[in-house]
């Protein structure tokens, strides 16, 4: 079993080396996406590579532990979503430290796990900014792919935490919170009005920034001509 896994890992590394793009990797480093190793392989190619290998928890766990961009993304594609538990998701989420990986794990894996709605509910109340960021992003993905899963998440609770995070110094956290509020407001006219009211009531946000947020949301809710 050990040798078999070693063989698979060598094959995957070979596939990545043959697909590497130094220009893309350099650009990512410049933008702050920092891994111990980054082959610069584009997402569609990583997806093609993933199709060559069988899904499985063991291989996915091994890949996730590696400090290599492409191996972590492959892990999100190879882990069987139906077998992921809340405990495993909470362990994995500690390794999400950049927006690309956050988007990939939500799209490839987390939106498909049976407990996805429970993860959103737990993560959006976390004291960890990065975890809340992922919770908001997963909420948005669920709205697009499995809307029925987030109908169990109290909109009032999401509104409370997301509006608080609009005050954050972190641009990524503000963007993720605003993105979640876009989808919350699409649920109903009532929620759309609540979202706009809560943001208009925030005193700690710069007036120009608040105006931009409200314009974005009014457009999303169909209130602008």
Protein backbone atom coordinates (compact mmCIF):
# COMPACT_ATOMS: atom_id res chain seq x y z
CA UNK A 1 0.00 0.00 0.00
CA UNK A 2 2.83 2.35 0.96
CA UNK A 3 4.68 1.67 -2.30
CA UNK A 4 1.50 2.15 -4.30
CA UNK A 5 0.91 5.57 -2.76
CA UNK A 6 4.54 6.53 -3.32
CA UNK A 7 4.18 5.56 -6.96
CA UNK A 8 1.06 7.67 -7.35
CA UNK A 9 2.74 10.67 -5.72
CA UNK A 10 5.73 10.35 -8.08
CA UNK A 11 3.39 10.17 -11.07
CA UNK A 12 1.51 13.25 -9.93
CA UNK A 13 4.74 15.20 -9.40
CA UNK A 14 5.89 14.18 -12.88
CA UNK A 15 2.60 15.38 -14.38
CA UNK A 16 3.03 18.72 -12.60
CA UNK A 17 6.63 19.19 -13.71
CA UNK A 18 5.64 18.56 -17.32
CA UNK A 19 2.88 21.17 -16.99
CA UNK A 20 4.76 23.79 -14.98
CA UNK A 21 4.69 27.47 -15.96
CA UNK A 22 7.40 29.58 -14.35
CA UNK A 23 5.83 32.86 -15.46
CA UNK A 24 2.54 32.05 -13.74
CA UNK A 25 4.34 30.90 -10.58
CA UNK A 26 6.40 34.09 -10.48
CA UNK A 27 3.29 36.22 -10.95
CA UNK A 28 1.58 34.45 -8.03
CA UNK A 29 4.54 35.05 -5.75
CA UNK A 30 4.47 38.73 -6.69
CA UNK A 31 0.79 38.84 -5.71
CA UNK A 32 1.50 37.25 -2.33
CA UNK A 33 0.47 33.64 -3.09
CA UNK A 34 3.41 32.02 -1.34
CA UNK A 35 4.05 28.27 -1.12
CA UNK A 36 7.24 26.36 -0.48
CA UNK A 37 6.78 25.08 -4.03
CA UNK A 38 4.56 26.36 -6.84
CA UNK A 39 4.65 24.84 -10.33
CA UNK A 40 2.42 27.57 -11.76
CA UNK A 41 0.08 24.99 -13.32
CA UNK A 42 -3.23 26.50 -14.40
CA UNK A 43 -6.45 25.23 -12.82
CA UNK A 44 -7.91 23.57 -15.99
CA UNK A 45 -4.71 21.53 -16.33
CA UNK A 46 -4.80 20.55 -12.63
CA UNK A 47 -8.37 19.38 -13.24
CA UNK A 48 -7.20 17.27 -16.19
CA UNK A 49 -4.49 15.70 -14.04
CA UNK A 50 -6.99 14.91 -11.26
CA UNK A 51 -9.13 12.89 -13.65
CA UNK A 52 -6.25 10.43 -14.12
CA UNK A 53 -6.35 9.39 -10.46
CA UNK A 54 -8.96 7.70 -8.30
CA UNK A 55 -10.55 9.72 -5.54
CA UNK A 56 -9.75 8.62 -2.03
CA UNK A 57 -9.26 10.00 1.47
CA UNK A 58 -5.77 8.55 1.93
CA UNK A 59 -4.19 10.08 -1.16
CA UNK A 60 -6.07 13.36 -0.66
CA UNK A 61 -4.83 13.64 2.94
CA UNK A 62 -1.24 13.07 1.80
CA UNK A 63 -1.54 15.73 -0.89
CA UNK A 64 -3.16 18.24 1.48
CA UNK A 65 -0.22 18.00 3.89
CA UNK A 66 2.27 18.97 1.19
CA UNK A 67 3.33 22.67 1.04
CA UNK A 68 2.83 22.65 -2.72
CA UNK A 69 0.10 24.72 -4.40
CA UNK A 70 -0.93 22.17 -7.01
CA UNK A 71 -0.94 19.23 -4.59
CA UNK A 72 -3.26 21.07 -2.21
CA UNK A 73 -5.64 21.94 -5.05
CA UNK A 74 -5.53 18.34 -6.29
CA UNK A 75 -6.40 17.20 -2.76
CA UNK A 76 -9.63 19.22 -2.92
CA UNK A 77 -10.48 17.44 -6.18
CA UNK A 78 -9.66 13.92 -4.98
CA UNK A 79 -11.22 13.86 -1.49
CA UNK A 80 -14.63 12.08 -1.61
CA UNK A 81 -17.05 14.84 -0.59
CA UNK A 82 -19.62 12.46 0.90
CA UNK A 83 -17.01 11.13 3.31
CA UNK A 84 -15.85 14.46 4.70
CA UNK A 85 -16.88 15.12 8.27
CA UNK A 86 -17.14 18.39 10.20
CA UNK A 87 -14.01 17.40 12.15
CA UNK A 88 -11.99 16.83 8.97
CA UNK A 89 -13.27 20.04 7.39
CA UNK A 90 -12.26 22.01 10.49
CA UNK A 91 -8.79 20.48 10.33
CA UNK A 92 -8.36 21.20 6.65
CA UNK A 93 -9.64 24.75 6.90
CA UNK A 94 -6.64 25.64 9.07
CA UNK A 95 -4.48 25.09 5.98
CA UNK A 96 -6.38 27.60 3.83
CA UNK A 97 -4.23 30.71 3.85
CA UNK A 98 -4.91 32.39 0.50
CA UNK A 99 -7.94 33.28 -1.61
CA UNK A 100 -7.20 30.97 -4.54
CA UNK A 101 -7.09 27.90 -2.29
CA UNK A 102 -10.21 29.14 -0.46
CA UNK A 103 -12.13 29.34 -3.73
CA UNK A 104 -10.87 25.98 -4.92
CA UNK A 105 -11.71 24.05 -1.75
CA UNK A 106 -15.20 25.58 -1.64
CA UNK A 107 -15.88 24.88 -5.33
CA UNK A 108 -14.27 21.44 -5.62
CA UNK A 109 -15.11 19.93 -2.26
CA UNK A 110 -16.90 21.80 0.52
CA UNK A 111 -20.01 22.78 -1.43
CA UNK A 112 -20.62 19.08 -2.02
CA UNK A 113 -20.18 17.75 1.52
CA UNK A 114 -23.40 16.72 3.31
CA UNK A 115 -22.67 18.99 6.29
CA UNK A 116 -21.87 22.09 4.20
CA UNK A 117 -24.66 24.15 5.78
CA UNK A 118 -23.40 23.26 9.26
CA UNK A 119 -19.90 24.37 8.27
CA UNK A 120 -21.17 27.76 7.11
CA UNK A 121 -23.11 28.23 10.33
CA UNK A 122 -20.08 27.34 12.47
CA UNK A 123 -17.45 29.19 10.45
CA UNK A 124 -19.26 32.50 10.07
CA UNK A 125 -19.31 32.72 13.88
CA UNK A 126 -15.63 31.86 14.29
CA UNK A 127 -13.18 34.20 16.02
CA UNK A 128 -10.68 33.49 13.23
CA UNK A 129 -10.91 35.98 10.34
CA UNK A 130 -9.68 33.43 7.80
CA UNK A 131 -12.28 30.88 8.88
CA UNK A 132 -15.11 33.43 8.66
CA UNK A 133 -13.81 34.42 5.25
CA UNK A 134 -14.14 30.82 4.08
CA UNK A 135 -17.58 30.52 5.68
CA UNK A 136 -18.86 33.50 3.70
CA UNK A 137 -17.35 32.17 0.50
CA UNK A 138 -18.90 28.75 1.06
CA UNK A 139 -22.28 30.41 1.67
CA UNK A 140 -22.02 32.07 -1.74
CA UNK A 141 -21.06 28.80 -3.42
CA UNK A 142 -23.99 26.99 -1.81
CA UNK A 143 -26.40 29.65 -3.02
CA UNK A 144 -25.19 29.00 -6.58
CA UNK A 145 -24.99 25.21 -6.42
CA UNK A 146 -27.17 23.87 -3.57
CA UNK A 147 -29.46 26.66 -2.48
CA UNK A 148 -31.59 24.30 -0.44
CA UNK A 149 -28.65 23.70 1.92
CA UNK A 150 -28.50 27.30 3.09
CA UNK A 151 -32.22 27.71 3.69
CA UNK A 152 -31.52 26.23 7.14
CA UNK A 153 -28.98 28.98 7.96
CA UNK A 154 -30.59 31.89 9.85
CA UNK A 155 -30.35 34.92 7.58
CA UNK A 156 -30.44 37.25 10.57
CA UNK A 157 -27.33 35.58 11.98
CA UNK A 158 -25.46 35.85 8.69
CA UNK A 159 -26.50 39.49 8.40
CA UNK A 160 -25.19 40.23 11.89
CA UNK A 161 -21.74 38.74 11.37
CA UNK A 162 -21.24 39.83 7.75
CA UNK A 163 -22.14 43.47 8.43
CA UNK A 164 -19.68 43.49 11.33
CA UNK A 165 -16.96 42.23 8.99
CA UNK A 166 -17.63 45.05 6.54
CA UNK A 167 -15.75 47.17 9.09
CA UNK A 168 -12.67 44.93 8.89
CA UNK A 169 -9.25 46.23 7.84
CA UNK A 170 -8.93 43.12 5.67
CA UNK A 171 -10.00 43.78 2.09
CA UNK A 172 -10.51 40.06 1.45
CA UNK A 173 -12.75 39.67 4.48
CA UNK A 174 -14.81 42.71 3.52
CA UNK A 175 -15.22 41.39 -0.02
CA UNK A 176 -16.27 37.93 1.14
CA UNK A 177 -18.75 39.37 3.64
CA UNK A 178 -20.22 41.68 1.00
CA UNK A 179 -20.44 38.79 -1.43
CA UNK A 180 -22.40 36.72 1.10
CA UNK A 181 -24.76 39.65 1.68
CA UNK A 182 -25.42 39.87 -2.06
CA UNK A 183 -26.80 36.35 -2.02
CA UNK A 184 -28.67 36.82 1.25
CA UNK A 185 -30.50 39.77 -0.27
CA UNK A 186 -31.49 37.70 -3.28
CA UNK A 187 -33.53 35.39 -1.09
CA UNK A 188 -36.34 37.90 -0.69
CA UNK A 189 -37.31 41.56 -0.84
CA UNK A 190 -37.41 41.54 2.94
CA UNK A 191 -33.79 40.42 3.27
CA UNK A 192 -32.66 42.84 0.56
CA UNK A 193 -34.16 45.72 2.54
CA UNK A 194 -32.64 44.47 5.80
CA UNK A 195 -29.17 44.21 4.25
CA UNK A 196 -29.33 47.77 2.89
CA UNK A 197 -30.69 49.14 6.16
CA UNK A 198 -27.99 47.50 8.27
CA UNK A 199 -25.19 48.78 6.05
CA UNK A 200 -26.62 52.28 5.93
CA UNK A 201 -26.70 52.21 9.75
CA UNK A 202 -22.99 51.41 10.16
CA UNK A 203 -21.14 54.44 11.45
CA UNK A 204 -17.60 53.05 11.41
CA UNK A 205 -17.29 52.73 7.60
CA UNK A 206 -15.88 55.52 5.47
CA UNK A 207 -18.73 57.35 3.71
CA UNK A 208 -17.32 56.76 0.21
CA UNK A 209 -16.76 53.06 0.89
CA UNK A 210 -20.25 52.69 2.33
CA UNK A 211 -21.76 54.42 -0.71
CA UNK A 212 -19.90 52.04 -3.04
CA UNK A 213 -21.12 49.00 -1.06
CA UNK A 214 -24.72 50.20 -1.16
CA UNK A 215 -24.54 50.90 -4.90
CA UNK A 216 -23.16 47.40 -5.52
CA UNK A 217 -25.95 45.81 -3.48
CA UNK A 218 -28.70 47.97 -4.95
CA UNK A 219 -27.54 46.87 -8.40
CA UNK A 220 -27.49 43.21 -7.31
CA UNK A 221 -31.01 43.53 -5.89
CA UNK A 222 -32.33 45.21 -9.03
CA UNK A 223 -32.91 48.62 -7.43
CA UNK A 224 -30.85 50.60 -9.94
CA UNK A 225 -32.06 51.49 -13.41
